[in-house]
Amino acid sequence: MAAPLGPLREGAIVLLSGPVAAGKTSLARELVRRYGFRRLATRDLILRRLPATYHTRSAMQRAGDRLDVETGGGWVAHGLAAFMRRSRANRIVIDSVRIAPQIDAIRSVAFGTVMHVHLTAPLAVLATRYKAKGKAIQELASYSHVRRHPTEKRVHNLATQADVLIDTSAVAPSKAASEVALRLWPLSKEGGRRIN
């Protein structure tokens, strides 16, 4: 296990959760493009810690489960701390958190704003998106296969602890990014957006 974490410096950290194909990466890319966030993909953290992991959805799921067991979910917080030290970034979007202990570990070490955004969409929409998904990794045969994984079966439970819940079947990624930014940096008394 990695050394204990000290407090992370102040900044905005957005944690994305939701089922596969909910639009987490699309939202993360919009936050990067429009608001200067840096994206931290948990897939990259897995490959950094377990480089022999095959680039398949099932192998990534198993590797994430292994890290969750070994670290009590703390591996994402450790990866975030290392990323912040390397990049000196203070606006980071994590794509994505999958269990409550990952969220809790990040919140326990982060100063500044930590916002948990949970994305969702109707099952039929998710299944259609999954069929059209890019092939960054080898995907499973169907969306029903993805949903069989125990973590994926429970990911909807994270909606209950989210700061923001977005149905991506009704909101485009650009609009979702605007909503997140508005929640992070509300309008100032002068009527302008405070983004500092």
Protein backbone atom coordinates (compact mmCIF):
# COMPACT_ATOMS: atom_id res chain seq x y z
CA MET A 1 0.00 0.00 0.00
CA ALA A 2 1.20 3.52 -0.77
CA ALA A 3 2.31 5.97 1.92
CA PRO A 4 -0.41 7.87 3.79
CA LEU A 5 -1.75 10.90 2.00
CA GLY A 6 -1.46 14.43 3.24
CA PRO A 7 -4.17 16.96 2.46
CA LEU A 8 -4.50 17.83 -1.21
CA ARG A 9 -4.14 21.50 -2.07
CA GLU A 10 -7.20 23.62 -2.69
CA GLY A 11 -8.95 23.31 -6.01
CA ALA A 12 -11.99 21.87 -7.74
CA ILE A 13 -12.22 18.11 -8.03
CA VAL A 14 -15.17 16.63 -9.90
CA LEU A 15 -15.87 12.93 -9.36
CA LEU A 16 -17.92 11.29 -12.10
CA SER A 17 -19.91 8.14 -11.47
CA GLY A 18 -22.61 6.26 -13.33
CA PRO A 19 -23.14 3.17 -15.41
CA VAL A 20 -21.06 2.29 -18.44
CA ALA A 21 -22.18 4.43 -21.43
CA ALA A 22 -23.81 7.11 -19.26
CA GLY A 23 -21.59 9.80 -20.80
CA LYS A 24 -18.90 10.22 -18.14
CA THR A 25 -16.02 10.57 -20.59
CA SER A 26 -18.01 12.96 -22.79
CA LEU A 27 -18.71 15.18 -19.78
CA ALA A 28 -15.07 14.97 -18.66
CA ARG A 29 -13.90 16.07 -22.11
CA GLU A 30 -16.26 19.06 -22.04
CA LEU A 31 -14.95 20.11 -18.62
CA VAL A 32 -11.41 19.89 -19.99
CA ARG A 33 -12.24 21.79 -23.17
CA ARG A 34 -14.40 24.53 -21.72
CA TYR A 35 -13.16 25.03 -18.16
CA GLY A 36 -9.51 23.99 -18.08
CA PHE A 37 -9.88 20.80 -16.07
CA ARG A 38 -7.36 17.99 -16.31
CA ARG A 39 -8.89 14.53 -16.79
CA LEU A 40 -7.73 11.64 -14.63
CA ALA A 41 -9.00 8.31 -15.96
CA THR A 42 -9.16 5.50 -13.43
CA ARG A 43 -8.35 3.14 -16.30
CA ASP A 44 -4.94 4.85 -16.50
CA LEU A 45 -4.48 4.48 -12.74
CA ILE A 46 -5.21 0.76 -13.03
CA LEU A 47 -2.68 0.35 -15.81
CA ARG A 48 -0.06 2.33 -13.87
CA ARG A 49 -0.51 0.14 -10.76
CA LEU A 50 -1.14 -3.15 -12.57
CA PRO A 51 0.62 -2.77 -15.96
CA ALA A 52 0.05 -6.39 -16.98
CA THR A 53 -3.74 -5.84 -17.04
CA TYR A 54 -5.25 -6.75 -20.41
CA HIS A 55 -7.04 -3.94 -22.23
CA THR A 56 -10.46 -5.56 -21.97
CA ARG A 57 -13.50 -4.39 -20.03
CA SER A 58 -13.62 -7.58 -17.94
CA ALA A 59 -9.89 -7.44 -17.09
CA MET A 60 -10.18 -3.77 -16.10
CA GLN A 61 -13.19 -4.56 -13.91
CA ARG A 62 -11.30 -7.38 -12.16
CA ALA A 63 -8.21 -5.18 -11.68
CA GLY A 64 -10.32 -2.39 -10.19
CA ASP A 65 -11.96 -4.88 -7.83
CA ARG A 66 -8.52 -6.15 -6.78
CA LEU A 67 -7.29 -2.62 -6.04
CA ASP A 68 -10.47 -1.83 -4.10
CA VAL A 69 -9.91 -4.89 -1.90
CA GLU A 70 -6.19 -4.20 -1.41
CA THR A 71 -6.64 -0.48 -0.57
CA GLY A 72 -10.18 -0.24 0.79
CA GLY A 73 -10.98 1.94 -2.23
CA GLY A 74 -8.09 4.30 -1.49
CA TRP A 75 -6.19 3.65 -4.72
CA VAL A 76 -8.07 6.40 -6.60
CA ALA A 77 -7.25 8.97 -3.89
CA HIS A 78 -3.59 7.91 -3.98
CA GLY A 79 -3.58 8.21 -7.76
CA LEU A 80 -5.20 11.64 -7.51
CA ALA A 81 -2.56 12.85 -5.04
CA ALA A 82 0.26 11.65 -7.29
CA PHE A 83 -1.40 13.23 -10.35
CA MET A 84 -1.74 16.56 -8.55
CA ARG A 85 1.92 16.51 -7.51
CA ARG A 86 3.06 15.71 -11.07
CA SER A 87 0.74 18.03 -12.94
CA ARG A 88 0.29 20.82 -10.40
CA ALA A 89 -3.33 20.89 -11.60
CA ASN A 90 -6.00 22.28 -9.31
CA ARG A 91 -9.03 21.52 -11.50
CA ILE A 92 -9.36 17.80 -11.99
CA VAL A 93 -12.17 15.60 -13.22
CA ILE A 94 -11.96 11.93 -12.25
CA ASP A 95 -13.43 9.58 -14.85
CA SER A 96 -14.69 7.64 -12.90
CA VAL A 97 -15.38 6.49 -9.35
CA ARG A 98 -17.22 3.19 -8.99
CA ILE A 99 -17.79 2.58 -5.26
CA ALA A 100 -18.54 4.70 -2.19
CA PRO A 101 -15.19 4.02 -0.44
CA GLN A 102 -13.37 5.59 -3.42
CA ILE A 103 -15.44 8.76 -2.99
CA ASP A 104 -14.98 8.76 0.77
CA ALA A 105 -11.19 8.37 0.46
CA ILE A 106 -10.97 11.34 -1.91
CA ARG A 107 -13.21 13.52 0.27
CA SER A 108 -11.12 12.67 3.34
CA VAL A 109 -7.89 14.07 1.86
CA ALA A 110 -9.08 16.89 -0.39
CA PHE A 111 -9.34 20.54 0.53
CA GLY A 112 -11.37 22.88 -1.62
CA THR A 113 -14.40 21.80 -3.55
CA VAL A 114 -15.08 18.13 -4.24
CA MET A 115 -18.23 17.63 -6.28
CA HIS A 116 -19.64 14.19 -7.01
CA VAL A 117 -21.66 14.13 -10.24
CA HIS A 118 -23.64 10.98 -11.00
CA LEU A 119 -24.78 10.41 -14.57
CA THR A 120 -27.60 8.16 -15.61
CA ALA A 121 -29.84 7.38 -18.57
CA PRO A 122 -32.60 4.86 -19.30
CA LEU A 123 -31.38 1.30 -19.86
CA ALA A 124 -32.37 1.28 -23.55
CA VAL A 125 -30.31 4.44 -24.14
CA LEU A 126 -27.31 2.96 -22.32
CA ALA A 127 -27.51 -0.26 -24.34
CA THR A 128 -27.71 1.67 -27.64
CA ARG A 129 -24.74 3.85 -26.67
CA TYR A 130 -22.75 0.80 -25.64
CA LYS A 131 -23.23 -0.77 -29.08
CA ALA A 132 -21.83 2.38 -30.69
CA LYS A 133 -19.03 2.82 -28.15
CA GLY A 134 -15.50 3.43 -29.39
CA LYS A 135 -13.03 0.64 -28.91
CA ALA A 136 -10.46 2.11 -26.50
CA ILE A 137 -10.57 -1.30 -24.84
CA GLN A 138 -12.02 -4.62 -25.93
CA GLU A 139 -15.65 -4.46 -24.91
CA LEU A 140 -17.96 -7.28 -23.84
CA ALA A 141 -20.44 -8.83 -26.25
CA SER A 142 -23.44 -6.84 -25.04
CA TYR A 143 -24.58 -4.33 -22.46
CA SER A 144 -26.30 -7.11 -20.52
CA HIS A 145 -22.85 -8.72 -20.09
CA VAL A 146 -21.46 -5.44 -18.70
CA ARG A 147 -24.31 -5.20 -16.19
CA ARG A 148 -23.53 -8.65 -14.74
CA HIS A 149 -20.43 -7.38 -12.98
CA PRO A 150 -21.16 -6.84 -9.25
CA THR A 151 -19.80 -3.27 -9.18
CA GLU A 152 -21.78 -2.33 -12.27
CA LYS A 153 -24.93 -3.83 -10.71
CA ARG A 154 -24.55 -1.48 -7.74
CA VAL A 155 -23.22 1.68 -9.40
CA HIS A 156 -26.70 3.24 -9.45
CA ASN A 157 -26.53 3.35 -5.62
CA LEU A 158 -23.94 6.12 -5.89
CA ALA A 159 -26.71 8.47 -7.03
CA THR A 160 -27.89 8.70 -3.42
CA GLN A 161 -24.65 10.36 -2.30
CA ALA A 162 -24.07 12.53 -5.38
CA ASP A 163 -24.06 16.31 -5.19
CA VAL A 164 -25.47 16.51 -8.73
CA LEU A 165 -27.53 13.97 -10.66
CA ILE A 166 -27.77 14.32 -14.45
CA ASP A 167 -29.89 12.28 -16.86
CA THR A 168 -27.72 12.36 -19.97
CA SER A 169 -30.57 11.23 -22.20
CA ALA A 170 -32.08 14.68 -21.65
CA VAL A 171 -28.92 16.83 -21.45
CA ALA A 172 -26.06 17.19 -23.95
CA PRO A 173 -22.49 17.00 -22.57
CA SER A 174 -21.98 20.74 -23.15
CA LYS A 175 -25.09 21.59 -21.12
CA ALA A 176 -24.06 19.13 -18.38
CA ALA A 177 -20.62 20.78 -18.23
CA SER A 178 -22.28 24.19 -17.89
CA GLU A 179 -24.43 22.88 -15.03
CA VAL A 180 -21.37 21.51 -13.22
CA ALA A 181 -19.49 24.79 -13.70
CA LEU A 182 -22.46 26.79 -12.42
CA ARG A 183 -22.59 24.62 -9.30
CA LEU A 184 -18.83 24.97 -8.76
CA TRP A 185 -18.67 28.71 -9.42
CA PRO A 186 -22.05 30.29 -8.73
CA LEU A 187 -22.79 33.73 -10.03
CA SER A 188 -21.13 36.39 -7.92
CA LYS A 189 -23.04 39.28 -6.36
CA GLU A 190 -21.96 41.39 -9.32
CA GLY A 191 -23.72 38.97 -11.69
CA GLY A 192 -20.61 37.48 -13.31
CA ARG A 193 -19.27 33.97 -13.00
CA ARG A 194 -16.45 33.63 -10.51
CA ILE A 195 -13.84 31.30 -12.06
CA ASN A 196 -10.52 31.82 -10.36
